[in-house]
Amino acid sequence: QLVPANAELAALYQRSCRSCHTIAATGAPLTGDVVAWTPRMERGMPAMIDSVINGAGGMPPLGMCMDCSEEQFEALIGFMSGGQ
């Protein structure tokens, strides 16, 4: 199982991201699946952050992390997309 090396990010990931981004049936791009993340990442990080904050598809606004900062969202997206 992939988990961020940074303990703070790992805790946020376990609490807020893992439940959807590790289960294919949710339709969310899976953590580490570079092929699934590439077209999303091509939109640029500002667009990715906007999707997280406002919600996208089945993802609720703030991606279940009401206390995450934009910097934390960026780090989590980088981790999940395989970009670290």
Protein backbone atom coordinates (compact mmCIF):
# COMPACT_ATOMS: atom_id res chain seq x y z
CA GLN A 1 0.00 0.00 0.00
CA LEU A 2 1.33 3.41 -0.97
CA VAL A 3 1.55 5.99 1.81
CA PRO A 4 3.24 9.41 1.82
CA ALA A 5 6.66 9.40 3.51
CA ASN A 6 5.79 12.59 5.40
CA ALA A 7 3.92 11.57 8.58
CA GLU A 8 1.53 14.55 8.52
CA LEU A 9 0.59 13.92 4.87
CA ALA A 10 0.30 10.19 5.57
CA ALA A 11 -2.23 10.90 8.32
CA LEU A 12 -4.26 13.19 6.05
CA TYR A 13 -4.11 10.65 3.22
CA GLN A 14 -5.25 7.80 5.49
CA ARG A 15 -8.07 9.91 6.93
CA SER A 16 -9.36 11.62 3.80
CA CYS A 17 -8.05 10.26 0.48
CA ARG A 18 -7.41 6.55 0.84
CA SER A 19 -11.05 5.47 1.13
CA CYS A 20 -11.76 6.50 -2.48
CA HIS A 21 -8.36 6.56 -4.18
CA THR A 22 -7.58 2.89 -3.41
CA ILE A 23 -10.88 1.36 -4.57
CA ALA A 24 -11.40 1.10 -8.33
CA ALA A 25 -15.20 0.91 -7.99
CA THR A 26 -15.34 4.53 -6.77
CA GLY A 27 -14.21 5.83 -10.17
CA ALA A 28 -11.52 7.97 -8.50
CA PRO A 29 -8.05 7.72 -10.04
CA LEU A 30 -6.14 5.21 -7.96
CA THR A 31 -3.11 6.27 -5.98
CA GLY A 32 0.01 5.63 -8.04
CA ASP A 33 -1.87 5.00 -11.31
CA VAL A 34 0.12 7.39 -13.47
CA VAL A 35 -1.92 6.56 -16.58
CA ALA A 36 -5.19 7.58 -14.88
CA TRP A 37 -3.68 10.71 -13.35
CA THR A 38 -1.80 12.01 -16.42
CA PRO A 39 -4.76 13.59 -18.27
CA ARG A 40 -5.92 15.18 -15.04
CA MET A 41 -2.46 16.52 -14.20
CA GLU A 42 -2.12 17.95 -17.71
CA ARG A 43 -4.78 20.48 -16.71
CA GLY A 44 -2.26 21.95 -14.28
CA MET A 45 -2.08 22.10 -10.51
CA PRO A 46 -4.33 25.18 -10.17
CA ALA A 47 -7.14 23.29 -11.94
CA MET A 48 -6.50 20.23 -9.78
CA ILE A 49 -6.68 22.30 -6.59
CA ASP A 50 -9.90 23.91 -7.86
CA SER A 51 -11.40 20.45 -8.43
CA VAL A 52 -10.52 19.39 -4.89
CA ILE A 53 -11.85 22.56 -3.28
CA ASN A 54 -15.10 22.62 -5.26
CA GLY A 55 -15.57 18.88 -5.72
CA ALA A 56 -15.43 16.99 -9.01
CA GLY A 57 -17.40 14.01 -10.22
CA GLY A 58 -18.18 11.96 -7.13
CA MET A 59 -15.58 13.71 -4.99
CA PRO A 60 -17.13 16.00 -2.40
CA PRO A 61 -15.86 19.56 -1.92
CA LEU A 62 -12.52 19.58 -0.09
CA GLY A 63 -12.15 15.85 -0.74
CA MET A 64 -13.22 14.98 2.82
CA CYS A 65 -10.38 17.07 4.28
CA MET A 66 -12.07 20.17 5.63
CA ASP A 67 -8.92 21.33 7.43
CA CYS A 68 -6.39 20.76 4.61
CA SER A 69 -4.52 23.74 3.21
CA GLU A 70 -3.98 24.27 -0.51
CA GLU A 71 -0.32 23.30 0.03
CA GLN A 72 -1.39 20.03 1.62
CA PHE A 73 -3.82 19.34 -1.21
CA GLU A 74 -1.02 19.97 -3.70
CA ALA A 75 1.31 17.60 -1.86
CA LEU A 76 -1.40 14.93 -1.64
CA ILE A 77 -2.23 15.26 -5.34
CA GLY A 78 1.47 15.01 -6.15
CA PHE A 79 1.76 11.86 -4.07
CA MET A 80 -1.37 10.18 -5.43
CA SER A 81 -0.54 11.03 -9.05
CA GLY A 82 2.84 9.35 -8.72
CA GLY A 83 4.72 12.62 -8.97
CA GLN A 84 5.59 12.65 -5.25
